[in-house]
Amino acid sequence: MQRIQLQEDIQPLSEFRSKVAFYLEKVNKSKRPLVITQNGKSAAILLGVSEYDSLIEKIEILEDVKLAEKQISDGFGLTHSKVKKRFLKRITK
């Protein structure tokens, strides 16, 4: 995802409502999120589908890493040599 550009990527709800199609196209082309404000405060973020999918994938990977780190710290890890032996045993059958 591209980094947000504060002067271009923050719009009030009234402006967004009047130009929805324009902002949808802009978000998809720029790959940057659009912050929508209401009463001067951030209210929502519009994100393209591909950028959303990418974020979800990254979150899932980070959750897997976190789980793996916990499993290792809890003593459920395997050394490289043990994994190699198990792998070689499986592929030689």
PDB file of N, CA and C in Angstrom:
ATOM      1  N   MET A   1       0.852  -1.177   0.000  1.00  0.00           N
ATOM      2  CA  MET A   1       0.000   0.000   0.000  1.00  0.00           C
ATOM      3  C   MET A   1       0.894   1.234   0.000  1.00  0.00           C
ATOM      4  N   GLN A   2       0.518   2.186  -0.804  1.00  0.00           N
ATOM      5  CA  GLN A   2       1.242   3.443  -0.867  1.00  0.00           C
ATOM      6  C   GLN A   2       0.975   4.271   0.384  1.00  0.00           C
ATOM      7  N   ARG A   3       1.940   5.081   0.723  1.00  0.00           N
ATOM      8  CA  ARG A   3       1.797   5.954   1.891  1.00  0.00           C
ATOM      9  C   ARG A   3       0.780   7.057   1.607  1.00  0.00           C
ATOM     10  N   ILE A   4      -0.017   7.377   2.586  1.00  0.00           N
ATOM     11  CA  ILE A   4      -1.053   8.401   2.445  1.00  0.00           C
ATOM     12  C   ILE A   4      -0.413   9.772   2.230  1.00  0.00           C
ATOM     13  N   GLN A   5      -1.017  10.567   1.358  1.00  0.00           N
ATOM     14  CA  GLN A   5      -0.582  11.943   1.126  1.00  0.00           C
ATOM     15  C   GLN A   5      -1.638  12.856   1.741  1.00  0.00           C
ATOM     16  N   LEU A   6      -1.266  13.511   2.813  1.00  0.00           N
ATOM     17  CA  LEU A   6      -2.233  14.241   3.629  1.00  0.00           C
ATOM     18  C   LEU A   6      -3.033  15.283   2.855  1.00  0.00           C
ATOM     19  N   GLN A   7      -2.422  15.977   1.907  1.00  0.00           N
ATOM     20  CA  GLN A   7      -3.146  17.023   1.180  1.00  0.00           C
ATOM     21  C   GLN A   7      -4.133  16.460   0.169  1.00  0.00           C
ATOM     22  N   GLU A   8      -3.922  15.225  -0.279  1.00  0.00           N
ATOM     23  CA  GLU A   8      -4.788  14.653  -1.307  1.00  0.00           C
ATOM     24  C   GLU A   8      -5.718  13.564  -0.788  1.00  0.00           C
ATOM     25  N   ASP A   9      -5.353  12.912   0.272  1.00  0.00           N
ATOM     26  CA  ASP A   9      -6.047  11.694   0.679  1.00  0.00           C
ATOM     27  C   ASP A   9      -6.915  11.841   1.919  1.00  0.00           C
ATOM     28  N   ILE A  10      -7.277  13.055   2.248  1.00  0.00           N
ATOM     29  CA  ILE A  10      -8.220  13.296   3.339  1.00  0.00           C
ATOM     30  C   ILE A  10      -9.319  14.196   2.783  1.00  0.00           C
ATOM     31  N   GLN A  11     -10.557  13.708   2.846  1.00  0.00           N
ATOM     32  CA  GLN A  11     -11.675  14.461   2.279  1.00  0.00           C
ATOM     33  C   GLN A  11     -12.857  14.448   3.242  1.00  0.00           C
ATOM     34  N   PRO A  12     -13.574  15.551   3.310  1.00  0.00           N
ATOM     35  CA  PRO A  12     -14.786  15.566   4.141  1.00  0.00           C
ATOM     36  C   PRO A  12     -15.877  14.712   3.498  1.00  0.00           C
ATOM     37  N   LEU A  13     -16.751  14.211   4.315  1.00  0.00           N
ATOM     38  CA  LEU A  13     -17.837  13.351   3.853  1.00  0.00           C
ATOM     39  C   LEU A  13     -18.670  14.025   2.765  1.00  0.00           C
ATOM     40  N   SER A  14     -18.958  15.289   2.904  1.00  0.00           N
ATOM     41  CA  SER A  14     -19.779  15.998   1.911  1.00  0.00           C
ATOM     42  C   SER A  14     -19.091  15.997   0.544  1.00  0.00           C
ATOM     43  N   GLU A  15     -17.802  16.218   0.506  1.00  0.00           N
ATOM     44  CA  GLU A  15     -17.040  16.182  -0.755  1.00  0.00           C
ATOM     45  C   GLU A  15     -17.020  14.760  -1.310  1.00  0.00           C
ATOM     46  N   PHE A  16     -16.806  13.782  -0.447  1.00  0.00           N
ATOM     47  CA  PHE A  16     -16.788  12.386  -0.879  1.00  0.00           C
ATOM     48  C   PHE A  16     -18.132  11.985  -1.491  1.00  0.00           C
ATOM     49  N   ARG A  17     -19.216  12.359  -0.826  1.00  0.00           N
ATOM     50  CA  ARG A  17     -20.559  12.010  -1.312  1.00  0.00           C
ATOM     51  C   ARG A  17     -20.829  12.569  -2.707  1.00  0.00           C
ATOM     52  N   SER A  18     -20.357  13.771  -2.953  1.00  0.00           N
ATOM     53  CA  SER A  18     -20.646  14.400  -4.249  1.00  0.00           C
ATOM     54  C   SER A  18     -19.785  13.845  -5.381  1.00  0.00           C
ATOM     55  N   LYS A  19     -18.682  13.129  -5.029  1.00  0.00           N
ATOM     56  CA  LYS A  19     -17.773  12.616  -6.061  1.00  0.00           C
ATOM     57  C   LYS A  19     -17.355  11.173  -5.784  1.00  0.00           C
ATOM     58  N   VAL A  20     -18.294  10.336  -5.390  1.00  0.00           N
ATOM     59  CA  VAL A  20     -17.985   8.958  -5.002  1.00  0.00           C
ATOM     60  C   VAL A  20     -17.231   8.214  -6.102  1.00  0.00           C
ATOM     61  N   ALA A  21     -17.725   8.249  -7.312  1.00  0.00           N
ATOM     62  CA  ALA A  21     -17.083   7.511  -8.421  1.00  0.00           C
ATOM     63  C   ALA A  21     -15.654   7.992  -8.635  1.00  0.00           C
ATOM     64  N   PHE A  22     -15.436   9.296  -8.561  1.00  0.00           N
ATOM     65  CA  PHE A  22     -14.091   9.856  -8.716  1.00  0.00           C
ATOM     66  C   PHE A  22     -13.143   9.298  -7.657  1.00  0.00           C
ATOM     67  N   TYR A  23     -13.586   9.294  -6.405  1.00  0.00           N
ATOM     68  CA  TYR A  23     -12.716   8.824  -5.318  1.00  0.00           C
ATOM     69  C   TYR A  23     -12.492   7.319  -5.366  1.00  0.00           C
ATOM     70  N   LEU A  24     -13.489   6.549  -5.803  1.00  0.00           N
ATOM     71  CA  LEU A  24     -13.280   5.107  -5.968  1.00  0.00           C
ATOM     72  C   LEU A  24     -12.191   4.843  -6.999  1.00  0.00           C
ATOM     73  N   GLU A  25     -12.271   5.547  -8.115  1.00  0.00           N
ATOM     74  CA  GLU A  25     -11.257   5.385  -9.156  1.00  0.00           C
ATOM     75  C   GLU A  25      -9.880   5.830  -8.655  1.00  0.00           C
ATOM     76  N   LYS A  26      -9.846   6.928  -7.930  1.00  0.00           N
ATOM     77  CA  LYS A  26      -8.578   7.463  -7.405  1.00  0.00           C
ATOM     78  C   LYS A  26      -7.916   6.471  -6.444  1.00  0.00           C
ATOM     79  N   VAL A  27      -8.705   5.889  -5.545  1.00  0.00           N
ATOM     80  CA  VAL A  27      -8.178   4.928  -4.572  1.00  0.00           C
ATOM     81  C   VAL A  27      -7.619   3.699  -5.286  1.00  0.00           C
ATOM     82  N   ASN A  28      -8.336   3.226  -6.299  1.00  0.00           N
ATOM     83  CA  ASN A  28      -7.880   2.048  -7.025  1.00  0.00           C
ATOM     84  C   ASN A  28      -6.635   2.318  -7.862  1.00  0.00           C
ATOM     85  N   LYS A  29      -6.537   3.499  -8.444  1.00  0.00           N
ATOM     86  CA  LYS A  29      -5.363   3.838  -9.261  1.00  0.00           C
ATOM     87  C   LYS A  29      -4.135   4.147  -8.406  1.00  0.00           C
ATOM     88  N   SER A  30      -4.327   4.929  -7.351  1.00  0.00           N
ATOM     89  CA  SER A  30      -3.193   5.389  -6.536  1.00  0.00           C
ATOM     90  C   SER A  30      -2.696   4.335  -5.560  1.00  0.00           C
ATOM     91  N   LYS A  31      -3.558   3.348  -5.237  1.00  0.00           N
ATOM     92  CA  LYS A  31      -3.236   2.323  -4.233  1.00  0.00           C
ATOM     93  C   LYS A  31      -3.060   2.930  -2.840  1.00  0.00           C
ATOM     94  N   ARG A  32      -3.591   4.152  -2.658  1.00  0.00           N
ATOM     95  CA  ARG A  32      -3.525   4.808  -1.355  1.00  0.00           C
ATOM     96  C   ARG A  32      -4.923   4.861  -0.745  1.00  0.00           C
ATOM     97  N   PRO A  33      -5.017   4.753   0.570  1.00  0.00           N
ATOM     98  CA  PRO A  33      -6.330   4.873   1.215  1.00  0.00           C
ATOM     99  C   PRO A  33      -6.810   6.323   1.200  1.00  0.00           C
ATOM    100  N   LEU A  34      -8.095   6.485   1.340  1.00  0.00           N
ATOM    101  CA  LEU A  34      -8.700   7.811   1.441  1.00  0.00           C
ATOM    102  C   LEU A  34      -9.329   7.916   2.819  1.00  0.00           C
ATOM    103  N   VAL A  35      -8.933   8.917   3.576  1.00  0.00           N
ATOM    104  CA  VAL A  35      -9.515   9.165   4.893  1.00  0.00           C
ATOM    105  C   VAL A  35     -10.710  10.096   4.697  1.00  0.00           C
ATOM    106  N   ILE A  36     -11.850   9.663   5.185  1.00  0.00           N
ATOM    107  CA  ILE A  36     -13.071  10.463   5.076  1.00  0.00           C
ATOM    108  C   ILE A  36     -13.363  11.043   6.454  1.00  0.00           C
ATOM    109  N   THR A  37     -13.554  12.353   6.481  1.00  0.00           N
ATOM    110  CA  THR A  37     -13.805  13.020   7.757  1.00  0.00           C
ATOM    111  C   THR A  37     -15.269  13.414   7.876  1.00  0.00           C
ATOM    112  N   GLN A  38     -15.700  13.517   9.114  1.00  0.00           N
ATOM    113  CA  GLN A  38     -17.053  13.975   9.417  1.00  0.00           C
ATOM    114  C   GLN A  38     -16.949  14.910  10.608  1.00  0.00           C
ATOM    115  N   ASN A  39     -17.461  16.106  10.460  1.00  0.00           N
ATOM    116  CA  ASN A  39     -17.364  17.139  11.502  1.00  0.00           C
ATOM    117  C   ASN A  39     -15.910  17.391  11.906  1.00  0.00           C
ATOM    118  N   GLY A  40     -15.023  17.350  10.919  1.00  0.00           N
ATOM    119  CA  GLY A  40     -13.617  17.659  11.158  1.00  0.00           C
ATOM    120  C   GLY A  40     -12.789  16.546  11.779  1.00  0.00           C
ATOM    121  N   LYS A  41     -13.385  15.383  11.983  1.00  0.00           N
ATOM    122  CA  LYS A  41     -12.663  14.258  12.586  1.00  0.00           C
ATOM    123  C   LYS A  41     -12.695  13.072  11.637  1.00  0.00           C
ATOM    124  N   SER A  42     -11.649  12.258  11.671  1.00  0.00           N
ATOM    125  CA  SER A  42     -11.629  11.078  10.810  1.00  0.00           C
ATOM    126  C   SER A  42     -12.786  10.159  11.184  1.00  0.00           C
ATOM    127  N   ALA A  43     -13.486   9.655  10.142  1.00  0.00           N
ATOM    128  CA  ALA A  43     -14.663   8.827  10.378  1.00  0.00           C
ATOM    129  C   ALA A  43     -14.548   7.466   9.708  1.00  0.00           C
ATOM    130  N   ALA A  44     -13.850   7.397   8.580  1.00  0.00           N
ATOM    131  CA  ALA A  44     -13.739   6.134   7.844  1.00  0.00           C
ATOM    132  C   ALA A  44     -12.540   6.197   6.908  1.00  0.00           C
ATOM    133  N   ILE A  45     -12.148   5.005   6.444  1.00  0.00           N
ATOM    134  CA  ILE A  45     -11.078   4.911   5.462  1.00  0.00           C
ATOM    135  C   ILE A  45     -11.582   4.067   4.307  1.00  0.00           C
ATOM    136  N   LEU A  46     -11.409   4.592   3.107  1.00  0.00           N
ATOM    137  CA  LEU A  46     -11.764   3.868   1.900  1.00  0.00           C
ATOM    138  C   LEU A  46     -10.487   3.251   1.349  1.00  0.00           C
ATOM    139  N   LEU A  47     -10.549   1.954   1.115  1.00  0.00           N
ATOM    140  CA  LEU A  47      -9.374   1.207   0.687  1.00  0.00           C
ATOM    141  C   LEU A  47      -9.761   0.334  -0.490  1.00  0.00           C
ATOM    142  N   GLY A  48      -8.912   0.266  -1.506  1.00  0.00           N
ATOM    143  CA  GLY A  48      -9.175  -0.587  -2.652  1.00  0.00           C
ATOM    144  C   GLY A  48      -9.173  -2.054  -2.246  1.00  0.00           C
ATOM    145  N   VAL A  49      -9.893  -2.870  -3.000  1.00  0.00           N
ATOM    146  CA  VAL A  49     -10.030  -4.287  -2.666  1.00  0.00           C
ATOM    147  C   VAL A  49      -8.672  -4.987  -2.675  1.00  0.00           C
ATOM    148  N   SER A  50      -7.843  -4.726  -3.663  1.00  0.00           N
ATOM    149  CA  SER A  50      -6.542  -5.404  -3.725  1.00  0.00           C
ATOM    150  C   SER A  50      -5.654  -5.002  -2.546  1.00  0.00           C
ATOM    151  N   GLU A  51      -5.749  -3.741  -2.142  1.00  0.00           N
ATOM    152  CA  GLU A  51      -4.963  -3.288  -0.992  1.00  0.00           C
ATOM    153  C   GLU A  51      -5.497  -3.905   0.294  1.00  0.00           C
ATOM    154  N   TYR A  52      -6.807  -4.038   0.401  1.00  0.00           N
ATOM    155  CA  TYR A  52      -7.412  -4.687   1.563  1.00  0.00           C
ATOM    156  C   TYR A  52      -6.958  -6.147   1.646  1.00  0.00           C
ATOM    157  N   ASP A  53      -7.031  -6.855   0.509  1.00  0.00           N
ATOM    158  CA  ASP A  53      -6.592  -8.253   0.478  1.00  0.00           C
ATOM    159  C   ASP A  53      -5.139  -8.381   0.899  1.00  0.00           C
ATOM    160  N   SER A  54      -4.306  -7.474   0.429  1.00  0.00           N
ATOM    161  CA  SER A  54      -2.885  -7.488   0.784  1.00  0.00           C
ATOM    162  C   SER A  54      -2.684  -7.289   2.290  1.00  0.00           C
ATOM    163  N   LEU A  55      -3.425  -6.370   2.867  1.00  0.00           N
ATOM    164  CA  LEU A  55      -3.330  -6.132   4.313  1.00  0.00           C
ATOM    165  C   LEU A  55      -3.768  -7.358   5.112  1.00  0.00           C
ATOM    166  N   ILE A  56      -4.861  -7.978   4.693  1.00  0.00           N
ATOM    167  CA  ILE A  56      -5.355  -9.171   5.392  1.00  0.00           C
ATOM    168  C   ILE A  56      -4.317 -10.285   5.307  1.00  0.00           C
ATOM    169  N   GLU A  57      -3.717 -10.465   4.143  1.00  0.00           N
ATOM    170  CA  GLU A  57      -2.690 -11.497   3.977  1.00  0.00           C
ATOM    171  C   GLU A  57      -1.506 -11.240   4.908  1.00  0.00           C
ATOM    172  N   LYS A  58      -1.080  -9.989   4.997  1.00  0.00           N
ATOM    173  CA  LYS A  58       0.035  -9.639   5.889  1.00  0.00           C
ATOM    174  C   LYS A  58      -0.328  -9.897   7.352  1.00  0.00           C
ATOM    175  N   ILE A  59      -1.536  -9.565   7.736  1.00  0.00           N
ATOM    176  CA  ILE A  59      -1.983  -9.808   9.115  1.00  0.00           C
ATOM    177  C   ILE A  59      -1.984 -11.304   9.419  1.00  0.00           C
ATOM    178  N   GLU A  60      -2.470 -12.108   8.473  1.00  0.00           N
ATOM    179  CA  GLU A  60      -2.495 -13.556   8.684  1.00  0.00           C
ATOM    180  C   GLU A  60      -1.085 -14.119   8.836  1.00  0.00           C
ATOM    181  N   ILE A  61      -0.154 -13.635   8.037  1.00  0.00           N
ATOM    182  CA  ILE A  61       1.240 -14.081   8.146  1.00  0.00           C
ATOM    183  C   ILE A  61       1.810 -13.690   9.508  1.00  0.00           C
ATOM    184  N   LEU A  62       1.556 -12.471   9.932  1.00  0.00           N
ATOM    185  CA  LEU A  62       2.056 -12.022  11.238  1.00  0.00           C
ATOM    186  C   LEU A  62       1.452 -12.840  12.374  1.00  0.00           C
ATOM    187  N   GLU A  63       0.170 -13.199  12.255  1.00  0.00           N
ATOM    188  CA  GLU A  63      -0.456 -14.039  13.280  1.00  0.00           C
ATOM    189  C   GLU A  63       0.191 -15.428  13.307  1.00  0.00           C
ATOM    190  N   ASP A  64       0.517 -15.971  12.130  1.00  0.00           N
ATOM    191  CA  ASP A  64       1.200 -17.266  12.062  1.00  0.00           C
ATOM    192  C   ASP A  64       2.577 -17.193  12.716  1.00  0.00           C
ATOM    193  N   VAL A  65       3.295 -16.103  12.460  1.00  0.00           N
ATOM    194  CA  VAL A  65       4.625 -15.926  13.061  1.00  0.00           C
ATOM    195  C   VAL A  65       4.499 -15.829  14.577  1.00  0.00           C
ATOM    196  N   LYS A  66       3.515 -15.070  15.034  1.00  0.00           N
ATOM    197  CA  LYS A  66       3.295 -14.925  16.478  1.00  0.00           C
ATOM    198  C   LYS A  66       2.992 -16.281  17.119  1.00  0.00           C
ATOM    199  N   LEU A  67       2.138 -17.076  16.476  1.00  0.00           N
ATOM    200  CA  LEU A  67       1.810 -18.401  16.983  1.00  0.00           C
ATOM    201  C   LEU A  67       3.053 -19.292  17.005  1.00  0.00           C
ATOM    202  N   ALA A  68       3.837 -19.248  15.942  1.00  0.00           N
ATOM    203  CA  ALA A  68       5.053 -20.066  15.875  1.00  0.00           C
ATOM    204  C   ALA A  68       6.032 -19.668  16.980  1.00  0.00           C
ATOM    205  N   GLU A  69       6.186 -18.372  17.212  1.00  0.00           N
ATOM    206  CA  GLU A  69       7.083 -17.918  18.282  1.00  0.00           C
ATOM    207  C   GLU A  69       6.596 -18.423  19.643  1.00  0.00           C
ATOM    208  N   LYS A  70       5.287 -18.398  19.861  1.00  0.00           N
ATOM    209  CA  LYS A  70       4.750 -18.898  21.133  1.00  0.00           C
ATOM    210  C   LYS A  70       4.985 -20.392  21.265  1.00  0.00           C
ATOM    211  N   GLN A  71       4.762 -21.135  20.184  1.00  0.00           N
ATOM    212  CA  GLN A  71       4.990 -22.571  20.223  1.00  0.00           C
ATOM    213  C   GLN A  71       6.459 -22.886  20.511  1.00  0.00           C
ATOM    214  N   ILE A  72       7.357 -22.141  19.924  1.00  0.00           N
ATOM    215  CA  ILE A  72       8.790 -22.348  20.180  1.00  0.00           C
ATOM    216  C   ILE A  72       9.110 -22.044  21.635  1.00  0.00           C
ATOM    217  N   SER A  73       8.579 -20.931  22.143  1.00  0.00           N
ATOM    218  CA  SER A  73       8.858 -20.574  23.537  1.00  0.00           C
ATOM    219  C   SER A  73       8.230 -21.566  24.517  1.00  0.00           C
ATOM    220  N   ASP A  74       7.165 -22.245  24.089  1.00  0.00           N
ATOM    221  CA  ASP A  74       6.527 -23.258  24.931  1.00  0.00           C
ATOM    222  C   ASP A  74       7.178 -24.634  24.781  1.00  0.00           C
ATOM    223  N   GLY A  75       8.236 -24.695  23.996  1.00  0.00           N
ATOM    224  CA  GLY A  75       8.987 -25.949  23.863  1.00  0.00           C
ATOM    225  C   GLY A  75       8.516 -26.876  22.765  1.00  0.00           C
ATOM    226  N   PHE A  76       7.702 -26.393  21.857  1.00  0.00           N
ATOM    227  CA  PHE A  76       7.191 -27.245  20.790  1.00  0.00           C
ATOM    228  C   PHE A  76       7.987 -27.101  19.489  1.00  0.00           C
ATOM    229  N   GLY A  77       9.112 -26.439  19.523  1.00  0.00           N
ATOM    230  CA  GLY A  77       9.922 -26.248  18.325  1.00  0.00           C
ATOM    231  C   GLY A  77      10.746 -27.478  17.991  1.00  0.00           C
ATOM    232  N   LEU A  78      11.179 -27.570  16.749  1.00  0.00           N
ATOM    233  CA  LEU A  78      12.037 -28.657  16.296  1.00  0.00           C
ATOM    234  C   LEU A  78      13.334 -28.067  15.754  1.00  0.00           C
ATOM    235  N   THR A  79      14.414 -28.769  15.979  1.00  0.00           N
ATOM    236  CA  THR A  79      15.686 -28.320  15.430  1.00  0.00           C
ATOM    237  C   THR A  79      15.705 -28.591  13.930  1.00  0.00           C
ATOM    238  N   HIS A  80      16.609 -27.931  13.258  1.00  0.00           N
ATOM    239  CA  HIS A  80      16.750 -28.113  11.809  1.00  0.00           C
ATOM    240  C   HIS A  80      17.059 -29.569  11.481  1.00  0.00           C
ATOM    241  N   SER A  81      17.929 -30.182  12.245  1.00  0.00           N
ATOM    242  CA  SER A  81      18.312 -31.562  11.956  1.00  0.00           C
ATOM    243  C   SER A  81      17.130 -32.527  12.119  1.00  0.00           C
ATOM    244  N   LYS A  82      16.269 -32.305  13.117  1.00  0.00           N
ATOM    245  CA  LYS A  82      15.091 -33.160  13.300  1.00  0.00           C
ATOM    246  C   LYS A  82      14.111 -33.001  12.129  1.00  0.00           C
ATOM    247  N   VAL A  83      13.904 -31.779  11.713  1.00  0.00           N
ATOM    248  CA  VAL A  83      13.000 -31.535  10.589  1.00  0.00           C
ATOM    249  C   VAL A  83      13.558 -32.176   9.323  1.00  0.00           C
ATOM    250  N   LYS A  84      14.859 -32.043   9.122  1.00  0.00           N
ATOM    251  CA  LYS A  84      15.494 -32.615   7.934  1.00  0.00           C
ATOM    252  C   LYS A  84      15.337 -34.135   7.921  1.00  0.00           C
ATOM    253  N   LYS A  85      15.548 -34.758   9.069  1.00  0.00           N
ATOM    254  CA  LYS A  85      15.394 -36.214   9.156  1.00  0.00           C
ATOM    255  C   LYS A  85      13.960 -36.637   8.836  1.00  0.00           C
ATOM    256  N   ARG A  86      12.974 -35.941   9.414  1.00  0.00           N
ATOM    257  CA  ARG A  86      11.570 -36.265   9.155  1.00  0.00           C
ATOM    258  C   ARG A  86      11.225 -36.081   7.678  1.00  0.00           C
ATOM    259  N   PHE A  87      11.720 -35.005   7.106  1.00  0.00           N
ATOM    260  CA  PHE A  87      11.447 -34.724   5.703  1.00  0.00           C
ATOM    261  C   PHE A  87      12.055 -35.793   4.799  1.00  0.00           C
ATOM    262  N   LEU A  88      13.296 -36.116   5.047  1.00  0.00           N
ATOM    263  CA  LEU A  88      13.967 -37.128   4.228  1.00  0.00           C
ATOM    264  C   LEU A  88      13.293 -38.487   4.369  1.00  0.00           C
ATOM    265  N   LYS A  89      12.828 -38.780   5.561  1.00  0.00           N
ATOM    266  CA  LYS A  89      12.138 -40.050   5.792  1.00  0.00           C
ATOM    267  C   LYS A  89      10.856 -40.124   4.965  1.00  0.00           C
ATOM    268  N   ARG A  90      10.137 -39.014   4.883  1.00  0.00           N
ATOM    269  CA  ARG A  90       8.879 -38.989   4.138  1.00  0.00           C
ATOM    270  C   ARG A  90       9.100 -39.085   2.629  1.00  0.00           C
ATOM    271  N   ILE A  91      10.114 -38.411   2.116  1.00  0.00           N
ATOM    272  CA  ILE A  91      10.277 -38.415   0.658  1.00  0.00           C
ATOM    273  C   ILE A  91      10.959 -39.667   0.135  1.00  0.00           C
ATOM    274  N   THR A  92      11.582 -40.449   1.014  1.00  0.00           N
ATOM    275  CA  THR A  92      12.238 -41.675   0.558  1.00  0.00           C
ATOM    276  C   THR A  92      11.305 -42.887   0.609  1.00  0.00           C
ATOM    277  N   LYS A  93      10.086 -42.724   1.087  1.00  0.00           N
ATOM    278  CA  LYS A  93       9.117 -43.830   1.159  1.00  0.00           C
ATOM    279  C   LYS A  93       8.538 -44.120  -0.200  1.00  0.00           C
TER     280      LYS A  93
END
